[in-house]
Amino acid sequence: MTSAEPARPAVPRAREVQASVLAAFQLVEDARYLGIDRRPRRRRVRAMAERAIADRKLARDLRAS
């Protein structure tokens, strides 16, 4: 190797790809959280609680019938 040739990296480039995947995942999560339909936290928590109650009622009714 001469000084005109670039040095080869000692570590494989898999880490860069992994960082890109993590960055893409973070962008998706950020878009989901900060999306157009962003509601106050209290409303989101209430909606999740209402869904959980409805699911439990449905499961109970299905077991009863």
N, C-alpha and C. Protein backbone atom coordinates (compact mmCIF):
# COMPACT_ATOMS: atom_id res chain seq x y z
N MET A 1 0.85 -1.18 0.00
CA MET A 1 0.00 0.00 0.00
C MET A 1 0.89 1.24 0.00
N THR A 2 0.56 2.18 -0.86
CA THR A 2 1.30 3.43 -0.89
C THR A 2 0.51 4.49 -0.15
N SER A 3 1.12 5.61 0.08
CA SER A 3 0.44 6.68 0.81
C SER A 3 -0.68 7.30 -0.02
N ALA A 4 -0.74 7.04 -1.32
CA ALA A 4 -1.79 7.59 -2.17
C ALA A 4 -3.09 6.79 -2.06
N GLU A 5 -3.00 5.55 -1.57
CA GLU A 5 -4.19 4.72 -1.45
C GLU A 5 -4.88 5.00 -0.11
N PRO A 6 -6.21 5.05 -0.11
CA PRO A 6 -6.92 5.26 1.17
C PRO A 6 -6.78 4.03 2.06
N ALA A 7 -6.77 4.25 3.33
CA ALA A 7 -6.68 3.15 4.29
C ALA A 7 -8.01 2.43 4.35
N ARG A 8 -7.97 1.12 4.45
CA ARG A 8 -9.19 0.34 4.57
C ARG A 8 -9.65 0.35 6.02
N PRO A 9 -10.94 0.42 6.22
CA PRO A 9 -11.43 0.39 7.60
C PRO A 9 -11.15 -0.95 8.25
N ALA A 10 -10.79 -0.93 9.52
CA ALA A 10 -10.48 -2.15 10.25
C ALA A 10 -11.75 -2.89 10.65
N VAL A 11 -12.87 -2.17 10.76
CA VAL A 11 -14.14 -2.76 11.20
C VAL A 11 -15.08 -2.86 10.00
N PRO A 12 -15.81 -3.94 9.87
CA PRO A 12 -16.78 -4.03 8.77
C PRO A 12 -17.83 -2.93 8.87
N ARG A 13 -18.46 -2.64 7.77
CA ARG A 13 -19.42 -1.53 7.73
C ARG A 13 -20.82 -1.92 8.19
N ALA A 14 -20.99 -3.06 8.79
CA ALA A 14 -22.31 -3.49 9.26
C ALA A 14 -22.86 -2.51 10.28
N ARG A 15 -21.99 -1.91 11.06
CA ARG A 15 -22.44 -0.96 12.08
C ARG A 15 -23.13 0.25 11.45
N GLU A 16 -22.65 0.72 10.30
CA GLU A 16 -23.28 1.86 9.63
C GLU A 16 -24.68 1.50 9.16
N VAL A 17 -24.83 0.30 8.62
CA VAL A 17 -26.15 -0.14 8.17
C VAL A 17 -27.10 -0.23 9.36
N GLN A 18 -26.61 -0.77 10.43
CA GLN A 18 -27.42 -0.89 11.63
C GLN A 18 -27.86 0.49 12.12
N ALA A 19 -26.97 1.45 12.08
CA ALA A 19 -27.33 2.80 12.50
C ALA A 19 -28.40 3.37 11.59
N SER A 20 -28.32 3.08 10.28
CA SER A 20 -29.33 3.57 9.35
C SER A 20 -30.69 2.96 9.65
N VAL A 21 -30.70 1.68 9.98
CA VAL A 21 -31.97 1.02 10.32
C VAL A 21 -32.55 1.63 11.58
N LEU A 22 -31.70 1.86 12.58
CA LEU A 22 -32.18 2.47 13.82
C LEU A 22 -32.69 3.88 13.58
N ALA A 23 -31.99 4.62 12.74
CA ALA A 23 -32.43 5.99 12.43
C ALA A 23 -33.78 5.98 11.71
N ALA A 24 -33.96 5.06 10.78
CA ALA A 24 -35.23 4.95 10.07
C ALA A 24 -36.36 4.58 11.03
N PHE A 25 -36.08 3.64 11.93
CA PHE A 25 -37.08 3.25 12.92
C PHE A 25 -37.46 4.44 13.80
N GLN A 26 -36.46 5.22 14.20
CA GLN A 26 -36.73 6.39 15.04
C GLN A 26 -37.57 7.41 14.29
N LEU A 27 -37.31 7.61 13.00
CA LEU A 27 -38.11 8.53 12.21
C LEU A 27 -39.56 8.08 12.14
N VAL A 28 -39.76 6.78 11.98
CA VAL A 28 -41.13 6.25 11.93
C VAL A 28 -41.83 6.47 13.27
N GLU A 29 -41.13 6.18 14.35
CA GLU A 29 -41.73 6.38 15.67
C GLU A 29 -42.02 7.85 15.94
N ASP A 30 -41.11 8.72 15.55
CA ASP A 30 -41.33 10.15 15.74
C ASP A 30 -42.54 10.62 14.93
N ALA A 31 -42.65 10.14 13.70
CA ALA A 31 -43.78 10.53 12.85
C ALA A 31 -45.09 10.04 13.45
N ARG A 32 -45.05 8.84 14.02
CA ARG A 32 -46.27 8.30 14.63
C ARG A 32 -46.67 9.13 15.85
N TYR A 33 -45.68 9.49 16.65
CA TYR A 33 -45.98 10.24 17.88
C TYR A 33 -46.32 11.69 17.59
N LEU A 34 -45.63 12.29 16.63
CA LEU A 34 -45.83 13.71 16.34
C LEU A 34 -46.70 13.91 15.10
N GLY A 35 -47.50 12.92 14.77
CA GLY A 35 -48.31 12.97 13.56
C GLY A 35 -49.39 14.04 13.59
N ILE A 36 -50.15 14.08 12.52
CA ILE A 36 -51.20 15.08 12.37
C ILE A 36 -52.26 14.89 13.46
N ASP A 37 -52.53 13.63 13.79
CA ASP A 37 -53.59 13.34 14.76
C ASP A 37 -53.04 13.30 16.18
N ARG A 38 -52.20 14.24 16.51
CA ARG A 38 -51.62 14.25 17.85
C ARG A 38 -52.63 14.79 18.84
N ARG A 39 -52.91 13.98 19.86
CA ARG A 39 -53.86 14.37 20.89
C ARG A 39 -53.11 14.57 22.19
N PRO A 40 -53.68 15.33 23.08
CA PRO A 40 -53.04 15.47 24.39
C PRO A 40 -52.90 14.10 25.06
N ARG A 41 -51.90 13.98 25.88
CA ARG A 41 -51.59 12.70 26.53
C ARG A 41 -52.78 12.15 27.30
N ARG A 42 -53.50 13.01 27.99
CA ARG A 42 -54.63 12.56 28.80
C ARG A 42 -55.70 11.91 27.92
N ARG A 43 -55.95 12.49 26.73
CA ARG A 43 -56.95 11.90 25.82
C ARG A 43 -56.46 10.57 25.26
N ARG A 44 -55.17 10.47 24.96
CA ARG A 44 -54.63 9.20 24.45
C ARG A 44 -54.76 8.11 25.51
N VAL A 45 -54.42 8.44 26.76
CA VAL A 45 -54.50 7.47 27.84
C VAL A 45 -55.94 7.05 28.06
N ARG A 46 -56.85 8.00 28.00
CA ARG A 46 -58.27 7.67 28.18
C ARG A 46 -58.76 6.76 27.06
N ALA A 47 -58.37 7.05 25.82
CA ALA A 47 -58.79 6.23 24.69
C ALA A 47 -58.27 4.80 24.84
N MET A 48 -57.01 4.65 25.28
CA MET A 48 -56.46 3.31 25.48
C MET A 48 -57.21 2.58 26.60
N ALA A 49 -57.55 3.29 27.66
CA ALA A 49 -58.29 2.67 28.76
C ALA A 49 -59.67 2.24 28.31
N GLU A 50 -60.34 3.09 27.52
CA GLU A 50 -61.67 2.73 27.01
C GLU A 50 -61.60 1.50 26.12
N ARG A 51 -60.55 1.42 25.28
CA ARG A 51 -60.38 0.26 24.42
C ARG A 51 -60.16 -1.01 25.24
N ALA A 52 -59.37 -0.89 26.31
CA ALA A 52 -59.10 -2.05 27.16
C ALA A 52 -60.39 -2.53 27.84
N ILE A 53 -61.21 -1.60 28.30
CA ILE A 53 -62.47 -1.97 28.94
C ILE A 53 -63.40 -2.64 27.94
N ALA A 54 -63.47 -2.08 26.73
CA ALA A 54 -64.32 -2.68 25.70
C ALA A 54 -63.84 -4.09 25.36
N ASP A 55 -62.54 -4.29 25.27
CA ASP A 55 -62.00 -5.62 24.98
C ASP A 55 -62.35 -6.61 26.09
N ARG A 56 -62.25 -6.18 27.33
CA ARG A 56 -62.58 -7.06 28.46
C ARG A 56 -64.06 -7.43 28.46
N LYS A 57 -64.92 -6.43 28.18
CA LYS A 57 -66.36 -6.71 28.13
C LYS A 57 -66.67 -7.71 27.03
N LEU A 58 -66.06 -7.52 25.87
CA LEU A 58 -66.28 -8.43 24.75
C LEU A 58 -65.82 -9.84 25.10
N ALA A 59 -64.65 -9.95 25.70
CA ALA A 59 -64.13 -11.28 26.09
C ALA A 59 -65.06 -11.92 27.10
N ARG A 60 -65.56 -11.15 28.06
CA ARG A 60 -66.46 -11.68 29.07
C ARG A 60 -67.77 -12.16 28.43
N ASP A 61 -68.30 -11.34 27.49
CA ASP A 61 -69.56 -11.72 26.82
C ASP A 61 -69.37 -12.96 25.97
N LEU A 62 -68.21 -13.09 25.33
CA LEU A 62 -67.97 -14.27 24.49
C LEU A 62 -67.85 -15.52 25.34
N ARG A 63 -67.23 -15.40 26.51
CA ARG A 63 -67.13 -16.56 27.40
C ARG A 63 -68.50 -16.95 27.96
N ALA A 64 -69.36 -15.95 28.21
CA ALA A 64 -70.67 -16.21 28.80
C ALA A 64 -71.62 -16.89 27.79
N SER A 65 -71.40 -16.63 26.50
CA SER A 65 -72.34 -17.21 25.51
C SER A 65 -71.90 -18.53 24.97
